[in-house]
Amino acid sequence: MEESAIPSLLIVQLCTSLLIALQDHRVCIILSNLTFQSAKAKMWSLQNLLFILCIVLRCVTSAVGVIHVTGYVGREVNVSCSYNEGYESYEKYLCKNDCGSDDVLITTSNSSKNKYRIQDDKTARIFTTTISDLQSVDAGKYWCGVSRSGKDIYTEVELKLVSDSCCDTVTKVQSYEGYSESLSCQYESQYQNSLKYICRGNRPSTCLQQALITSDTKRNGRFRLDDDKVLGTFTVTINSLTQNDSGSYLCGVQRNSDLDVFSAVELKVEEWCCVKSTKINGTAGHPLTLQCPYPSQHRDNRKFLCKGDHRNNCSDMVTSQSRFTLQDDAASSSFIVRITKLEAADGGTYWCGSDSQWRVGNYTKIELSVCLHCTSNVSLGTTAETQRTQIPDSALCVVHVAPSVLLLMSVLVICCL
């Protein structure tokens, strides 16, 4: 047997009837009726075989066009497939498995069926199938089909499902009521010009629809978004924080060809308060002294006492009321405020401190109650203390003695008569 005779025979046998059935793409490539003279068979070489296979593989590759779609479990997803001009009036459908009659999920002739909806945009030559209430069993391979005489036209679709939650890593941020806080969100360089946004919660599927602010709007009420494309970070600033702002946030970066990219932030807003808090009772018409400690490093700071329900909205009483005088005792790291003559209107919330920046923990909060007959006690501790109103014994006696006096007066009147 001559050299390369066996390869030549194998080539002849292979090329005599070569059937490549691509079930995934419903493409059949048939090479047959290739006859070769036995005298020329020995002229074939391995290079010829590789050349034929390369032509076949090139044909197969050009027929492959897989559409990758990702959806969230429990939500809905759109599968969009394009088609060539001239097929606008043809029926379109979505199917699974081998696309037999039982595998067809929905057609344009019946546009709504169970969890599937389909619509055909004949102008754009794109038909879109919506699959709702996605479950894990819905993941896998689908086919977009266009009906025609002979073999239908198919496009493969690969559907991947992910959990509608985020994320494995969470950045935790702590702040206080009334403050402004910035939430920083990093992104990769290829998303410099993409839409950025932030929403509350941890459901990626609805985040963009419920966005508090986007890079298109930049400002929305208490929210501001700044995008630093050089650093690859966008920052969302929230002003005038309240405890209701506490919770989970998602930073989102929009991607047109796939699911958006997210990072998670957990914000905790605590009540702004002080190192010491107390409740004090004062008697109207009497003087009252308030004592306010301060950090030793604030020895040279201006001291003040202001009144208001919130520190951001309070009036300096020492400068506005002549009845209030302030005296600093640097030796004891405290100052006292004397009120010469209490009035009923003096009741309320007071803040005494020595930090003009209103940093947390440098203030004393005082709840002052003014009554006609009560004992005024000032007690400042490291935790809030409630002082009970003490009614003088003389006031209690009036309640019990008054009936006896009335009875005695009645007896005297009768006797006089």
Protein backbone atom coordinates (compact mmCIF):
# COMPACT_ATOMS: atom_id res chain seq x y z
CA MET A 1 0.00 0.00 0.00
CA GLU A 2 1.36 3.34 -1.03
CA GLU A 3 2.07 6.08 1.48
CA SER A 4 -0.98 8.18 2.41
CA ALA A 5 -3.30 5.67 0.77
CA ILE A 6 -5.20 5.05 4.02
CA PRO A 7 -5.73 8.74 4.69
CA SER A 8 -6.85 9.13 1.09
CA LEU A 9 -9.44 6.38 1.43
CA LEU A 10 -10.66 7.84 4.70
CA ILE A 11 -11.03 11.21 3.04
CA VAL A 12 -12.98 9.68 0.18
CA GLN A 13 -15.28 7.87 2.62
CA LEU A 14 -15.74 11.02 4.70
CA CYS A 15 -16.46 13.24 1.74
CA THR A 16 -18.69 10.68 -0.01
CA SER A 17 -21.42 11.34 2.52
CA LEU A 18 -20.83 14.05 5.14
CA LEU A 19 -23.94 15.00 7.09
CA ILE A 20 -23.59 17.60 9.85
CA ALA A 21 -26.88 18.02 11.65
CA LEU A 22 -26.85 20.90 14.05
CA GLN A 23 -29.90 20.32 16.16
CA ASP A 24 -29.30 23.45 18.24
CA HIS A 25 -29.54 25.66 15.17
CA ARG A 26 -31.68 23.48 12.95
CA VAL A 27 -28.98 23.71 10.27
CA CYS A 28 -28.12 20.83 8.04
CA ILE A 29 -25.01 20.86 5.98
CA ILE A 30 -24.89 18.02 3.55
CA LEU A 31 -21.90 17.21 1.44
CA SER A 32 -22.50 14.28 -0.88
CA ASN A 33 -21.92 12.90 -4.31
CA LEU A 34 -18.26 13.66 -4.11
CA THR A 35 -16.62 11.19 -6.45
CA PHE A 36 -13.00 10.84 -6.87
CA GLN A 37 -11.02 8.68 -9.21
CA SER A 38 -9.02 6.09 -7.35
CA ALA A 39 -5.97 7.18 -9.26
CA LYS A 40 -6.27 10.65 -7.81
CA ALA A 41 -7.15 9.54 -4.29
CA LYS A 42 -3.53 9.29 -3.30
CA MET A 43 -3.10 12.96 -4.17
CA TRP A 44 -5.16 13.99 -1.18
CA SER A 45 -3.36 14.89 1.97
CA LEU A 46 -4.20 15.88 5.51
CA GLN A 47 -4.08 19.53 4.45
CA ASN A 48 -7.01 18.94 2.10
CA LEU A 49 -9.05 17.39 4.90
CA LEU A 50 -8.34 20.32 7.20
CA PHE A 51 -9.28 22.74 4.44
CA ILE A 52 -12.67 21.07 3.99
CA LEU A 53 -13.31 21.01 7.73
CA CYS A 54 -12.40 24.69 8.03
CA ILE A 55 -14.93 25.54 5.33
CA VAL A 56 -17.59 23.50 7.12
CA LEU A 57 -16.81 25.07 10.52
CA ARG A 58 -16.85 28.52 8.98
CA CYS A 59 -20.32 27.89 7.64
CA VAL A 60 -21.48 26.59 11.01
CA THR A 61 -20.01 29.53 12.91
CA SER A 62 -21.67 32.06 10.69
CA ALA A 63 -25.02 30.43 11.42
CA VAL A 64 -24.57 30.70 15.18
CA GLY A 65 -26.10 33.74 16.94
CA VAL A 66 -26.90 33.16 20.60
CA ILE A 67 -28.86 35.83 22.49
CA HIS A 68 -27.94 35.90 26.18
CA VAL A 69 -30.64 37.16 28.53
CA THR A 70 -30.51 37.45 32.33
CA GLY A 71 -33.55 37.86 34.58
CA TYR A 72 -34.43 38.03 38.26
CA VAL A 73 -36.30 35.22 40.02
CA GLY A 74 -39.87 36.29 40.73
CA ARG A 75 -39.78 39.13 38.22
CA GLU A 76 -40.24 39.34 34.44
CA VAL A 77 -37.80 39.43 31.53
CA ASN A 78 -37.99 40.48 27.87
CA VAL A 79 -36.55 38.31 25.09
CA SER A 80 -36.12 40.36 21.91
CA CYS A 81 -35.27 38.79 18.55
CA SER A 82 -34.70 40.52 15.21
CA TYR A 83 -35.56 39.20 11.75
CA ASN A 84 -34.75 40.13 8.17
CA GLU A 85 -36.73 42.33 5.87
CA GLY A 86 -39.53 40.54 4.08
CA TYR A 87 -40.71 38.52 7.09
CA GLU A 88 -42.85 41.26 8.65
CA SER A 89 -46.13 39.42 7.95
CA TYR A 90 -44.85 35.97 8.97
CA GLU A 91 -45.81 34.38 12.26
CA LYS A 92 -43.25 34.54 15.06
CA TYR A 93 -43.04 32.42 18.17
CA LEU A 94 -40.94 31.38 21.17
CA CYS A 95 -40.28 27.72 21.92
CA LYS A 96 -38.12 25.41 24.01
CA ASN A 97 -36.43 22.05 23.62
CA ASP A 98 -36.83 20.69 20.05
CA CYS A 99 -39.49 23.24 19.11
CA GLY A 100 -42.10 20.59 18.45
CA SER A 101 -45.77 21.50 18.54
CA ASP A 102 -45.86 20.94 22.30
CA ASP A 103 -42.75 23.05 22.83
CA VAL A 104 -44.16 26.27 21.40
CA LEU A 105 -44.81 28.64 24.32
CA ILE A 106 -46.49 31.53 22.49
CA THR A 107 -47.09 32.84 18.97
CA THR A 108 -47.92 36.23 17.49
CA SER A 109 -51.28 34.83 16.41
CA ASN A 110 -52.11 34.33 20.10
CA SER A 111 -50.20 37.15 21.81
CA SER A 112 -51.00 36.29 25.44
CA LYS A 113 -50.84 32.85 27.02
CA ASN A 114 -50.28 31.97 30.66
CA LYS A 115 -47.09 33.76 31.77
CA TYR A 116 -46.05 34.72 28.25
CA ARG A 117 -46.78 37.81 26.13
CA ILE A 118 -45.47 38.57 22.67
CA GLN A 119 -45.50 41.63 20.44
CA ASP A 120 -44.08 42.25 16.98
CA ASP A 121 -42.57 45.61 16.05
CA LYS A 122 -42.69 45.31 12.26
CA THR A 123 -41.09 48.71 11.76
CA ALA A 124 -37.98 47.78 13.74
CA ARG A 125 -38.34 44.12 12.68
CA ILE A 126 -38.03 42.92 16.29
CA PHE A 127 -40.46 40.69 18.16
CA THR A 128 -40.32 40.60 21.94
CA THR A 129 -41.56 37.93 24.31
CA THR A 130 -42.16 38.80 27.96
CA ILE A 131 -41.91 36.00 30.51
CA SER A 132 -43.35 36.92 33.91
CA ASP A 133 -43.06 35.36 37.39
CA LEU A 134 -39.71 33.81 36.58
CA GLN A 135 -38.81 30.64 38.44
CA SER A 136 -35.64 28.56 38.48
CA VAL A 137 -37.19 26.05 36.04
CA ASP A 138 -37.49 28.83 33.45
CA ALA A 139 -33.73 29.07 33.04
CA GLY A 140 -32.21 27.42 30.01
CA LYS A 141 -32.34 27.37 26.24
CA TYR A 142 -35.10 28.90 24.11
CA TRP A 143 -35.63 29.51 20.40
CA CYS A 144 -37.03 32.55 18.65
CA GLY A 145 -38.76 31.23 15.56
CA VAL A 146 -40.09 32.71 12.32
CA SER A 147 -42.54 30.44 10.46
CA ARG A 148 -42.02 29.94 6.75
CA SER A 149 -42.41 27.22 4.15
CA GLY A 150 -39.74 24.61 4.52
CA LYS A 151 -37.45 25.08 7.49
CA ASP A 152 -38.33 27.84 9.96
CA ILE A 153 -35.76 30.45 10.92
CA TYR A 154 -34.41 30.03 14.45
CA THR A 155 -32.33 32.12 16.82
CA GLU A 156 -31.01 30.55 20.00
CA VAL A 157 -31.67 32.27 23.34
CA GLU A 158 -29.93 31.40 26.60
CA LEU A 159 -31.85 32.58 29.69
CA LYS A 160 -30.01 32.89 33.00
CA LEU A 161 -31.74 33.64 36.30
CA VAL A 162 -30.28 35.31 39.37
CA SER A 163 -31.67 36.13 42.80
CA ASP A 164 -33.42 39.50 43.12
CA SER A 165 -31.22 40.66 45.98
CA CYS A 166 -27.88 42.37 46.50
CA CYS A 167 -25.13 42.21 47.65
CA ASP A 168 -22.52 39.98 49.30
CA THR A 169 -20.57 43.03 50.48
CA VAL A 170 -22.32 45.94 52.19
CA THR A 171 -20.73 49.29 53.08
CA LYS A 172 -21.99 50.57 56.44
CA VAL A 173 -22.34 54.30 57.11
CA GLN A 174 -23.38 55.93 60.40
CA SER A 175 -24.58 59.50 60.85
CA TYR A 176 -26.88 61.65 62.98
CA GLU A 177 -30.16 63.50 62.65
CA GLY A 178 -29.83 66.88 60.97
CA TYR A 179 -26.45 66.08 59.47
CA SER A 180 -25.51 65.67 55.80
CA GLU A 181 -23.99 62.37 54.72
CA SER A 182 -22.36 61.23 51.46
CA LEU A 183 -22.69 57.68 50.13
CA SER A 184 -19.84 56.73 47.76
CA CYS A 185 -20.34 54.19 44.98
CA GLN A 186 -17.47 52.88 42.84
CA TYR A 187 -17.74 51.61 39.27
CA GLU A 188 -15.42 50.30 36.54
CA SER A 189 -13.91 52.56 33.90
CA GLN A 190 -16.02 51.20 31.02
CA TYR A 191 -19.12 52.65 32.70
CA GLN A 192 -17.90 56.27 32.78
CA ASN A 193 -20.71 57.48 30.52
CA SER A 194 -23.39 55.12 31.83
CA LEU A 195 -26.38 56.24 33.85
CA LYS A 196 -25.82 56.16 37.62
CA TYR A 197 -28.55 56.13 40.25
CA ILE A 198 -29.43 55.18 43.82
CA CYS A 199 -32.55 53.66 45.36
CA ARG A 200 -33.76 52.39 48.72
CA GLY A 201 -34.05 48.70 49.53
CA ASN A 202 -32.11 45.77 48.10
CA ARG A 203 -34.15 44.69 45.05
CA PRO A 204 -32.13 45.31 41.88
CA SER A 205 -35.07 44.55 39.57
CA THR A 206 -37.03 47.68 40.58
CA CYS A 207 -34.16 49.96 41.62
CA LEU A 208 -34.05 52.17 38.53
CA GLN A 209 -37.83 52.65 38.50
CA GLN A 210 -37.72 53.69 42.18
CA ALA A 211 -34.51 55.73 41.98
CA LEU A 212 -34.22 58.63 44.44
CA ILE A 213 -31.91 60.45 42.04
CA THR A 214 -29.98 59.74 38.81
CA SER A 215 -26.94 61.21 37.10
CA ASP A 216 -29.34 62.80 34.60
CA THR A 217 -31.19 64.83 37.26
CA LYS A 218 -28.23 65.39 39.65
CA ARG A 219 -30.44 67.16 42.23
CA ASN A 220 -33.72 66.08 43.77
CA GLY A 221 -34.84 67.67 47.04
CA ARG A 222 -32.43 66.64 49.79
CA PHE A 223 -30.44 64.43 47.39
CA ARG A 224 -27.50 65.42 45.17
CA LEU A 225 -25.45 63.15 42.86
CA ASP A 226 -21.88 63.95 41.80
CA ASP A 227 -19.98 61.74 39.35
CA ASP A 228 -16.17 61.69 39.40
CA LYS A 229 -15.32 59.87 36.17
CA VAL A 230 -11.58 60.09 36.82
CA LEU A 231 -11.81 58.21 40.13
CA GLY A 232 -14.66 56.02 38.93
CA THR A 233 -16.87 56.99 41.85
CA PHE A 234 -20.24 58.67 42.09
CA THR A 235 -21.36 60.19 45.37
CA VAL A 236 -24.90 60.74 46.63
CA THR A 237 -25.25 63.37 49.36
CA ILE A 238 -28.34 63.37 51.60
CA ASN A 239 -28.99 66.60 53.51
CA SER A 240 -30.97 67.12 56.76
CA LEU A 241 -30.93 63.48 57.73
CA THR A 242 -33.73 61.97 59.80
CA GLN A 243 -33.99 58.56 61.41
CA ASN A 244 -36.41 57.62 58.63
CA ASP A 245 -33.44 57.75 56.24
CA SER A 246 -31.94 54.72 57.96
CA GLY A 247 -31.95 51.53 55.92
CA SER A 248 -30.56 49.79 52.84
CA TYR A 249 -29.57 51.57 49.63
CA LEU A 250 -28.41 50.29 46.24
CA CYS A 251 -26.02 52.18 43.98
CA GLY A 252 -26.78 51.26 40.37
CA VAL A 253 -24.91 51.61 37.08
CA GLN A 254 -26.98 50.98 33.97
CA ARG A 255 -25.84 48.47 31.35
CA ASN A 256 -27.73 48.25 28.07
CA SER A 257 -26.74 44.69 27.15
CA ASP A 258 -27.03 43.03 30.53
CA LEU A 259 -28.30 43.52 34.07
CA ASP A 260 -27.23 46.70 35.82
CA VAL A 261 -24.29 46.64 38.22
CA PHE A 262 -25.02 47.27 41.89
CA SER A 263 -23.27 47.93 45.19
CA ALA A 264 -24.98 48.05 48.58
CA VAL A 265 -24.86 50.63 51.38
CA GLU A 266 -26.42 50.38 54.84
CA LEU A 267 -27.13 53.78 56.42
CA LYS A 268 -27.84 54.17 60.12
CA VAL A 269 -29.06 57.57 61.33
CA GLU A 270 -28.98 57.96 65.09
CA GLU A 271 -30.70 60.53 67.24
CA TRP A 272 -28.57 63.61 67.71
CA CYS A 273 -28.11 64.19 71.38
CA CYS A 274 -25.73 64.84 74.08
CA VAL A 275 -23.53 63.38 76.78
CA LYS A 276 -25.95 64.48 79.49
CA SER A 277 -29.69 64.96 79.61
CA THR A 278 -32.00 65.99 82.41
CA LYS A 279 -35.52 67.06 83.31
CA ILE A 280 -35.93 69.99 85.70
CA ASN A 281 -38.89 71.51 87.50
CA GLY A 282 -38.97 75.23 88.31
CA THR A 283 -41.41 77.46 90.16
CA ALA A 284 -42.89 80.46 88.42
CA GLY A 285 -41.74 83.75 89.96
CA HIS A 286 -38.68 82.13 91.57
CA PRO A 287 -35.06 82.08 90.37
CA LEU A 288 -33.49 78.97 88.85
CA THR A 289 -29.88 77.95 88.19
CA LEU A 290 -28.89 75.60 85.35
CA GLN A 291 -25.49 73.92 85.35
CA CYS A 292 -23.86 72.85 82.09
CA PRO A 293 -20.61 70.83 81.94
CA TYR A 294 -18.39 70.98 78.86
CA PRO A 295 -15.23 69.20 77.63
CA SER A 296 -12.00 70.59 79.02
CA GLN A 297 -10.72 71.35 75.52
CA HIS A 298 -13.62 73.83 75.12
CA ARG A 299 -12.32 76.03 77.93
CA ASP A 300 -11.79 79.00 75.63
CA ASN A 301 -14.90 78.43 73.47
CA ARG A 302 -17.95 80.63 73.64
CA LYS A 303 -20.57 79.14 75.95
CA PHE A 304 -24.28 79.51 75.32
CA LEU A 305 -27.77 78.39 76.27
CA CYS A 306 -30.45 78.22 73.59
CA LYS A 307 -34.08 77.20 73.62
CA GLY A 308 -35.91 75.18 70.98
CA ASP A 309 -37.32 71.73 70.25
CA HIS A 310 -34.38 71.01 67.96
CA ARG A 311 -30.80 72.21 68.07
CA ASN A 312 -31.07 73.46 64.48
CA ASN A 313 -33.83 75.83 65.47
CA CYS A 314 -33.16 77.36 68.87
CA SER A 315 -32.73 80.89 70.21
CA ASP A 316 -29.80 82.07 72.34
CA MET A 317 -31.45 83.00 75.65
CA VAL A 318 -28.46 84.76 77.24
CA THR A 319 -28.22 87.35 74.47
CA SER A 320 -31.97 87.77 73.96
CA GLN A 321 -33.29 87.68 77.54
CA SER A 322 -32.02 89.99 80.31
CA ARG A 323 -33.35 87.56 82.94
CA PHE A 324 -30.73 84.99 81.82
CA THR A 325 -27.09 85.45 82.88
CA LEU A 326 -24.17 83.10 82.17
CA GLN A 327 -21.11 82.55 84.37
CA ASP A 328 -18.20 80.30 83.33
CA ASP A 329 -16.35 78.19 85.88
CA ALA A 330 -13.29 76.93 83.99
CA ALA A 331 -11.92 75.18 87.07
CA SER A 332 -14.84 72.74 87.07
CA SER A 333 -15.22 72.68 83.24
CA SER A 334 -18.79 73.90 83.49
CA PHE A 335 -20.84 77.05 83.32
CA ILE A 336 -24.04 78.07 85.04
CA VAL A 337 -27.02 80.04 83.75
CA ARG A 338 -29.15 81.93 86.29
CA ILE A 339 -32.75 82.83 85.54
CA THR A 340 -33.77 85.63 87.89
CA LYS A 341 -37.52 85.18 87.70
CA LEU A 342 -39.09 82.18 86.00
CA GLU A 343 -42.15 82.61 83.80
CA ALA A 344 -44.60 79.99 82.64
CA ALA A 345 -43.43 80.57 79.05
CA ASP A 346 -39.88 79.56 80.04
CA GLY A 347 -40.85 75.90 80.01
CA GLY A 348 -39.45 73.84 77.11
CA THR A 349 -36.27 72.30 75.71
CA TYR A 350 -32.90 73.95 76.25
CA TRP A 351 -29.46 73.17 74.83
CA CYS A 352 -26.36 74.37 76.63
CA GLY A 353 -22.95 73.86 75.13
CA SER A 354 -19.60 75.14 73.98
CA ASP A 355 -19.25 73.82 70.42
CA SER A 356 -20.45 76.06 67.60
CA GLN A 357 -20.17 73.14 65.14
CA TRP A 358 -22.82 71.19 67.05
CA ARG A 359 -20.80 68.01 67.20
CA VAL A 360 -22.55 65.11 68.86
CA GLY A 361 -21.84 64.58 72.53
CA ASN A 362 -20.73 68.13 73.44
CA TYR A 363 -24.11 69.33 74.66
CA THR A 364 -26.46 69.09 77.61
CA LYS A 365 -30.15 68.76 76.88
CA ILE A 366 -32.50 70.18 79.52
CA GLU A 367 -36.27 69.71 79.64
CA LEU A 368 -37.62 72.49 81.86
CA SER A 369 -41.12 72.41 83.36
CA VAL A 370 -42.46 75.52 85.10
CA CYS A 371 -45.27 75.14 87.63
CA LEU A 372 -46.89 77.27 90.35
CA HIS A 373 -45.88 75.09 93.30
CA CYS A 374 -42.99 72.69 92.72
CA THR A 375 -39.46 72.07 93.87
CA SER A 376 -36.70 72.97 91.42
CA ASN A 377 -33.93 70.39 91.28
CA VAL A 378 -31.07 70.24 88.80
CA SER A 379 -29.48 66.85 88.37
CA LEU A 380 -27.14 66.21 85.46
CA GLY A 381 -26.00 62.65 84.95
CA THR A 382 -24.48 60.66 82.14
CA THR A 383 -27.95 59.33 81.35
CA ALA A 384 -31.33 61.00 81.20
CA GLU A 385 -32.92 61.46 84.65
CA THR A 386 -36.53 62.38 85.29
CA GLN A 387 -37.21 64.61 88.31
CA ARG A 388 -40.56 64.09 89.99
CA THR A 389 -42.62 67.15 90.79
CA GLN A 390 -42.76 67.62 94.56
CA ILE A 391 -45.78 69.46 95.90
CA PRO A 392 -45.13 71.39 99.17
CA ASP A 393 -46.87 70.10 102.30
CA SER A 394 -48.73 73.40 102.63
CA ALA A 395 -50.35 72.84 99.26
CA LEU A 396 -51.43 69.33 100.31
CA CYS A 397 -52.89 70.63 103.59
CA VAL A 398 -55.23 72.97 101.78
CA VAL A 399 -56.94 70.04 100.15
CA HIS A 400 -57.71 68.31 103.47
CA VAL A 401 -58.21 71.30 105.77
CA ALA A 402 -60.59 73.23 103.61
CA PRO A 403 -63.63 70.93 104.28
CA SER A 404 -63.05 71.10 108.04
CA VAL A 405 -62.93 74.91 108.00
CA LEU A 406 -66.16 75.07 106.06
CA LEU A 407 -67.87 72.75 108.55
CA LEU A 408 -66.70 74.86 111.51
CA MET A 409 -67.93 78.05 109.87
CA SER A 410 -71.35 76.44 109.31
CA VAL A 411 -71.60 75.51 113.02
CA LEU A 412 -70.70 79.05 114.09
CA VAL A 413 -73.35 80.52 111.83
CA ILE A 414 -76.01 78.23 113.28
CA CYS A 415 -74.99 79.04 116.83
CA CYS A 416 -75.12 82.76 116.17
CA LEU A 417 -78.64 82.40 114.86
